[in-house]
Amino acid sequence: MPTAVASLPTILFLHGFAESREVWTEFTRPFPAGYRLLAPNLLGHGTNLAAVPDFSMEAQARYVVEYLEEKNAAGPVLVVGHSMGGYVALALAERFPDRLAGLALINSTALADTDEKRANREKNIGFVERHGVGKFMESFVRPLFAPANRDRMPEARDWLEEIGKATPAATITGALRGMAARPERTAVLREAKFPVLLVAGKHDVAVHLEDAVAQAALAPVAHALFLEGSGHQAYLEQPTETRRAVLALAGLVFGG
């Protein structure tokens, strides 16, 4: 790795559940060349298919630290996490706060699962075990988009389904259990010594807008973007606005 590249301010992108690093390709294409962009496949996802004994958010965070070390990303980085990637980012911030220059949570939350949501994850695990990943993804992806986008964006929807269908069943069930077991991490936001951005969609069925509004007020230095036309996939549904907010945060934390 050339020293000049390794020394660039780094933005780390963490994908969501049943996704892969590929979801960030188009989103990050317009980013300025002055940033170093990193996007790992989280444990069990994409091409990162070695056996995974632990799908907890803490284990994923430890893997992210190892990944950063492998990439010679020595200084604090701006971490951008979508959905489950945000849960991993919060675990990373809790355990390794000095690794973060800033934190952007896209359609994610520092709250733990409610009892109802944990029960729904168990139902999803049972469905995958009975019917397989393919059937699960056919019903899982569509509601993640805002109602107006479900038929307007068939290519994006089909693409996410295909990424999900390529994800091993052990990863799907393990990640569901890992998300269900994660603790509340609102203290990470309240005690953050770095700027925080929350991006939320009005029609997000997974992370309710009112919860995002409440959390946006927790961090000492906080910014928020509330999107009228998005569900749970803001980086696909309203990429221009989401990208602009992330780049504004990058300019703040890196002085660009």
Protein backbone atom coordinates (compact mmCIF):
# COMPACT_ATOMS: atom_id res chain seq x y z
CA MET A 1 0.00 0.00 0.00
CA PRO A 2 1.60 3.33 -1.07
CA THR A 3 2.14 5.68 1.87
CA ALA A 4 0.27 8.48 0.12
CA VAL A 5 -2.88 6.35 -0.20
CA ALA A 6 -2.67 5.00 3.35
CA SER A 7 -2.37 8.53 4.73
CA LEU A 8 -5.56 9.81 3.07
CA PRO A 9 -8.55 10.48 5.36
CA THR A 10 -10.46 7.21 5.41
CA ILE A 11 -14.19 6.54 5.22
CA LEU A 12 -15.23 3.01 6.18
CA PHE A 13 -18.57 1.71 4.88
CA LEU A 14 -20.31 -1.18 6.68
CA HIS A 15 -23.16 -2.87 4.82
CA GLY A 16 -26.34 -4.22 6.33
CA PHE A 17 -27.83 -7.64 7.01
CA ALA A 18 -27.80 -10.05 4.04
CA GLU A 19 -25.98 -7.46 1.94
CA SER A 20 -22.36 -7.17 0.81
CA ARG A 21 -19.71 -4.53 0.17
CA GLU A 22 -21.07 -4.22 -3.39
CA VAL A 23 -24.04 -2.16 -2.17
CA TRP A 24 -21.68 0.78 -1.71
CA THR A 25 -20.19 0.75 -5.23
CA GLU A 26 -22.54 3.21 -6.95
CA PHE A 27 -23.12 5.23 -3.79
CA THR A 28 -19.41 5.97 -3.38
CA ARG A 29 -18.50 6.39 -7.05
CA PRO A 30 -18.91 10.21 -6.98
CA PHE A 31 -16.84 10.64 -3.79
CA PRO A 32 -13.79 12.92 -4.19
CA ALA A 33 -10.42 11.29 -4.81
CA GLY A 34 -9.08 12.93 -1.64
CA TYR A 35 -10.70 10.25 0.50
CA ARG A 36 -9.67 6.64 0.91
CA LEU A 37 -12.81 4.49 0.78
CA LEU A 38 -12.90 1.08 2.44
CA ALA A 39 -15.80 -1.37 2.44
CA PRO A 40 -15.31 -4.86 3.88
CA ASN A 41 -17.63 -7.80 3.58
CA LEU A 42 -18.74 -8.45 7.14
CA LEU A 43 -18.34 -11.94 8.57
CA GLY A 44 -20.29 -14.50 6.56
CA HIS A 45 -21.34 -12.00 3.89
CA GLY A 46 -20.30 -11.50 0.28
CA THR A 47 -17.05 -13.35 -0.37
CA ASN A 48 -16.11 -13.45 3.33
CA LEU A 49 -17.31 -17.03 3.76
CA ALA A 50 -14.86 -18.60 6.19
CA ALA A 51 -16.55 -20.42 9.07
CA VAL A 52 -18.03 -17.95 11.57
CA PRO A 53 -18.29 -19.13 15.18
CA ASP A 54 -19.71 -15.83 16.47
CA PHE A 55 -22.12 -13.52 14.65
CA SER A 56 -22.44 -11.01 17.50
CA MET A 57 -22.05 -7.33 16.74
CA GLU A 58 -19.01 -7.34 19.01
CA ALA A 59 -17.36 -10.10 16.97
CA GLN A 60 -18.10 -8.19 13.77
CA ALA A 61 -16.53 -5.07 15.34
CA ARG A 62 -13.38 -7.01 16.21
CA TYR A 63 -13.21 -8.21 12.64
CA VAL A 64 -13.51 -4.62 11.40
CA VAL A 65 -10.53 -3.61 13.55
CA GLU A 66 -8.51 -6.48 12.05
CA TYR A 67 -9.58 -5.38 8.58
CA LEU A 68 -8.46 -1.80 9.24
CA GLU A 69 -5.11 -3.06 10.46
CA GLU A 70 -4.71 -5.18 7.33
CA LYS A 71 -5.44 -2.10 5.23
CA ASN A 72 -2.92 0.02 7.21
CA ALA A 73 -5.66 2.44 8.23
CA ALA A 74 -3.86 3.61 11.34
CA GLY A 75 -5.65 6.85 12.11
CA PRO A 76 -9.24 7.45 13.17
CA VAL A 77 -11.74 6.79 10.38
CA LEU A 78 -15.23 8.00 9.57
CA VAL A 79 -17.49 4.96 9.92
CA VAL A 80 -20.69 4.80 7.87
CA GLY A 81 -22.99 1.94 8.82
CA HIS A 82 -26.26 0.92 7.21
CA SER A 83 -28.75 -1.00 9.34
CA MET A 84 -26.81 -3.96 10.84
CA GLY A 85 -23.62 -2.19 9.74
CA GLY A 86 -24.68 0.61 12.07
CA TYR A 87 -25.05 -1.87 14.94
CA VAL A 88 -21.50 -3.04 14.20
CA ALA A 89 -20.31 0.56 14.05
CA LEU A 90 -21.83 1.26 17.48
CA ALA A 91 -20.13 -1.82 18.94
CA LEU A 92 -16.89 -0.61 17.38
CA ALA A 93 -17.37 2.86 18.87
CA GLU A 94 -18.08 1.40 22.30
CA ARG A 95 -15.04 -0.88 22.39
CA PHE A 96 -12.59 1.10 20.23
CA PRO A 97 -13.69 4.76 20.41
CA ASP A 98 -10.25 6.04 19.39
CA ARG A 99 -10.69 4.34 16.01
CA LEU A 100 -13.52 6.70 15.05
CA ALA A 101 -13.24 10.22 13.68
CA GLY A 102 -16.99 10.31 13.09
CA LEU A 103 -20.03 8.06 12.89
CA ALA A 104 -22.87 8.01 10.36
CA LEU A 105 -25.83 5.72 11.05
CA ILE A 106 -27.99 5.14 7.98
CA ASN A 107 -31.35 3.52 8.79
CA SER A 108 -29.88 2.20 12.03
CA THR A 109 -30.44 2.61 15.75
CA ALA A 110 -28.63 2.49 19.07
CA LEU A 111 -31.69 0.93 20.71
CA ALA A 112 -31.87 -2.76 21.49
CA ASP A 113 -34.56 -4.91 19.90
CA THR A 114 -37.95 -4.81 21.52
CA ASP A 115 -39.47 -8.11 22.66
CA GLU A 116 -41.70 -7.98 19.58
CA LYS A 117 -38.77 -7.50 17.24
CA ARG A 118 -36.79 -10.32 18.85
CA ALA A 119 -39.83 -12.57 18.40
CA ASN A 120 -40.05 -11.56 14.74
CA ARG A 121 -36.38 -12.41 14.23
CA GLU A 122 -37.02 -15.87 15.71
CA LYS A 123 -39.93 -16.30 13.29
CA ASN A 124 -37.62 -15.35 10.42
CA ILE A 125 -35.04 -17.87 11.61
CA GLY A 126 -37.70 -20.57 11.64
CA PHE A 127 -38.85 -19.57 8.14
CA VAL A 128 -35.30 -19.78 6.76
CA GLU A 129 -34.76 -23.16 8.38
CA ARG A 130 -38.00 -24.51 6.89
CA HIS A 131 -38.11 -22.85 3.46
CA GLY A 132 -34.58 -21.67 2.68
CA VAL A 133 -32.88 -18.33 2.04
CA GLY A 134 -34.38 -17.82 -1.43
CA LYS A 135 -37.99 -17.84 -0.24
CA PHE A 136 -37.08 -15.65 2.71
CA MET A 137 -35.43 -12.97 0.58
CA GLU A 138 -38.39 -12.88 -1.82
CA SER A 139 -40.57 -11.62 1.01
CA PHE A 140 -37.95 -9.77 3.07
CA VAL A 141 -36.59 -7.13 0.67
CA ARG A 142 -39.68 -5.50 -0.82
CA PRO A 143 -41.06 -3.99 2.43
CA LEU A 144 -37.69 -2.37 3.12
CA PHE A 145 -38.41 0.20 0.41
CA ALA A 146 -40.90 3.04 0.84
CA PRO A 147 -44.29 2.09 -0.67
CA ALA A 148 -43.81 4.50 -3.59
CA ASN A 149 -40.43 2.92 -4.40
CA ARG A 150 -41.34 -0.75 -4.31
CA ASP A 151 -42.50 -0.86 -7.92
CA ARG A 152 -40.56 2.21 -9.07
CA MET A 153 -37.17 0.62 -8.27
CA PRO A 154 -37.46 -3.03 -9.40
CA GLU A 155 -33.80 -3.29 -10.43
CA ALA A 156 -32.54 -2.17 -7.02
CA ARG A 157 -35.01 -4.45 -5.27
CA ASP A 158 -34.09 -7.46 -7.42
CA TRP A 159 -30.38 -6.73 -6.95
CA LEU A 160 -30.68 -6.76 -3.16
CA GLU A 161 -32.68 -9.99 -3.35
CA GLU A 162 -29.95 -11.63 -5.39
CA ILE A 163 -27.24 -10.54 -2.93
CA GLY A 164 -29.37 -11.90 -0.11
CA LYS A 165 -30.04 -15.20 -1.89
CA ALA A 166 -26.28 -15.70 -2.27
CA THR A 167 -25.83 -15.34 1.50
CA PRO A 168 -25.47 -18.67 3.36
CA ALA A 169 -28.35 -19.77 5.56
CA ALA A 170 -25.95 -20.01 8.52
CA THR A 171 -25.12 -16.32 8.05
CA ILE A 172 -28.78 -15.32 7.82
CA THR A 173 -29.77 -17.15 10.99
CA GLY A 174 -26.56 -16.27 12.85
CA ALA A 175 -26.85 -12.57 12.02
CA LEU A 176 -30.51 -12.52 13.03
CA ARG A 177 -29.57 -13.98 16.42
CA GLY A 178 -26.64 -11.56 16.72
CA MET A 179 -28.87 -8.56 16.08
CA ALA A 180 -31.53 -9.82 18.49
CA ALA A 181 -28.94 -10.19 21.28
CA ARG A 182 -27.29 -6.79 20.89
CA PRO A 183 -27.60 -4.39 23.85
CA GLU A 184 -28.79 -0.81 23.83
CA ARG A 185 -25.94 1.56 22.95
CA THR A 186 -27.46 5.02 23.34
CA ALA A 187 -24.62 5.79 25.76
CA VAL A 188 -22.25 5.60 22.79
CA LEU A 189 -24.12 8.52 21.23
CA ARG A 190 -24.36 10.52 24.46
CA GLU A 191 -20.65 10.10 25.18
CA ALA A 192 -19.37 10.43 21.61
CA LYS A 193 -16.28 12.59 21.27
CA PHE A 194 -16.77 12.66 17.51
CA PRO A 195 -19.57 14.06 15.33
CA VAL A 196 -22.54 11.81 14.65
CA LEU A 197 -24.94 11.77 11.69
CA LEU A 198 -28.28 9.95 11.67
CA VAL A 199 -30.05 9.34 8.37
CA ALA A 200 -33.64 8.13 8.68
CA GLY A 201 -36.47 7.38 6.28
CA LYS A 202 -40.05 8.41 6.95
CA HIS A 203 -41.30 5.05 5.68
CA ASP A 204 -38.69 2.84 7.36
CA VAL A 205 -40.48 -0.21 8.77
CA ALA A 206 -37.35 -1.45 10.58
CA VAL A 207 -36.14 1.75 12.33
CA HIS A 208 -39.00 4.03 13.21
CA LEU A 209 -38.58 7.71 12.44
CA GLU A 210 -39.58 8.85 15.94
CA ASP A 211 -36.79 6.74 17.44
CA ALA A 212 -34.27 8.26 15.04
CA VAL A 213 -35.47 11.78 15.90
CA ALA A 214 -34.99 11.10 19.62
CA GLN A 215 -31.50 9.65 19.11
CA ALA A 216 -30.41 12.53 16.91
CA ALA A 217 -30.53 14.75 19.97
CA LEU A 218 -28.27 12.56 22.11
CA ALA A 219 -24.78 13.18 20.72
CA PRO A 220 -22.93 16.37 21.75
CA VAL A 221 -22.25 17.09 18.06
CA ALA A 222 -25.10 15.63 16.05
CA HIS A 223 -26.52 16.06 12.58
CA ALA A 224 -29.65 14.48 11.16
CA LEU A 225 -31.20 13.89 7.75
CA PHE A 226 -34.85 12.85 7.66
CA LEU A 227 -35.93 11.66 4.23
CA GLU A 228 -39.58 11.95 3.18
CA GLY A 229 -39.24 9.56 0.26
CA SER A 230 -37.25 6.72 1.79
CA GLY A 231 -37.82 3.52 3.64
CA HIS A 232 -34.97 1.43 5.06
CA GLN A 233 -32.67 1.77 2.04
CA ALA A 234 -31.80 5.48 2.02
CA TYR A 235 -28.51 4.98 0.18
CA LEU A 236 -30.52 3.51 -2.74
CA GLU A 237 -33.82 5.38 -2.45
CA GLN A 238 -32.41 8.89 -2.02
CA PRO A 239 -28.68 8.50 -2.72
CA THR A 240 -27.96 12.11 -3.64
CA GLU A 241 -29.26 13.50 -0.37
CA THR A 242 -27.69 10.72 1.68
CA ARG A 243 -24.32 11.11 -0.06
CA ARG A 244 -24.39 14.86 0.46
CA ALA A 245 -24.95 14.39 4.20
CA VAL A 246 -22.12 11.85 4.52
CA LEU A 247 -19.73 14.08 2.59
CA ALA A 248 -20.67 17.05 4.78
CA LEU A 249 -19.81 14.98 7.84
CA ALA A 250 -16.53 13.92 6.22
CA GLY A 251 -15.69 17.56 5.59
CA LEU A 252 -16.43 18.36 9.22
CA VAL A 253 -14.35 15.57 10.74
CA PHE A 254 -11.43 15.78 8.32
CA GLY A 255 -11.45 19.52 7.73
CA GLY A 256 -12.12 19.23 4.01
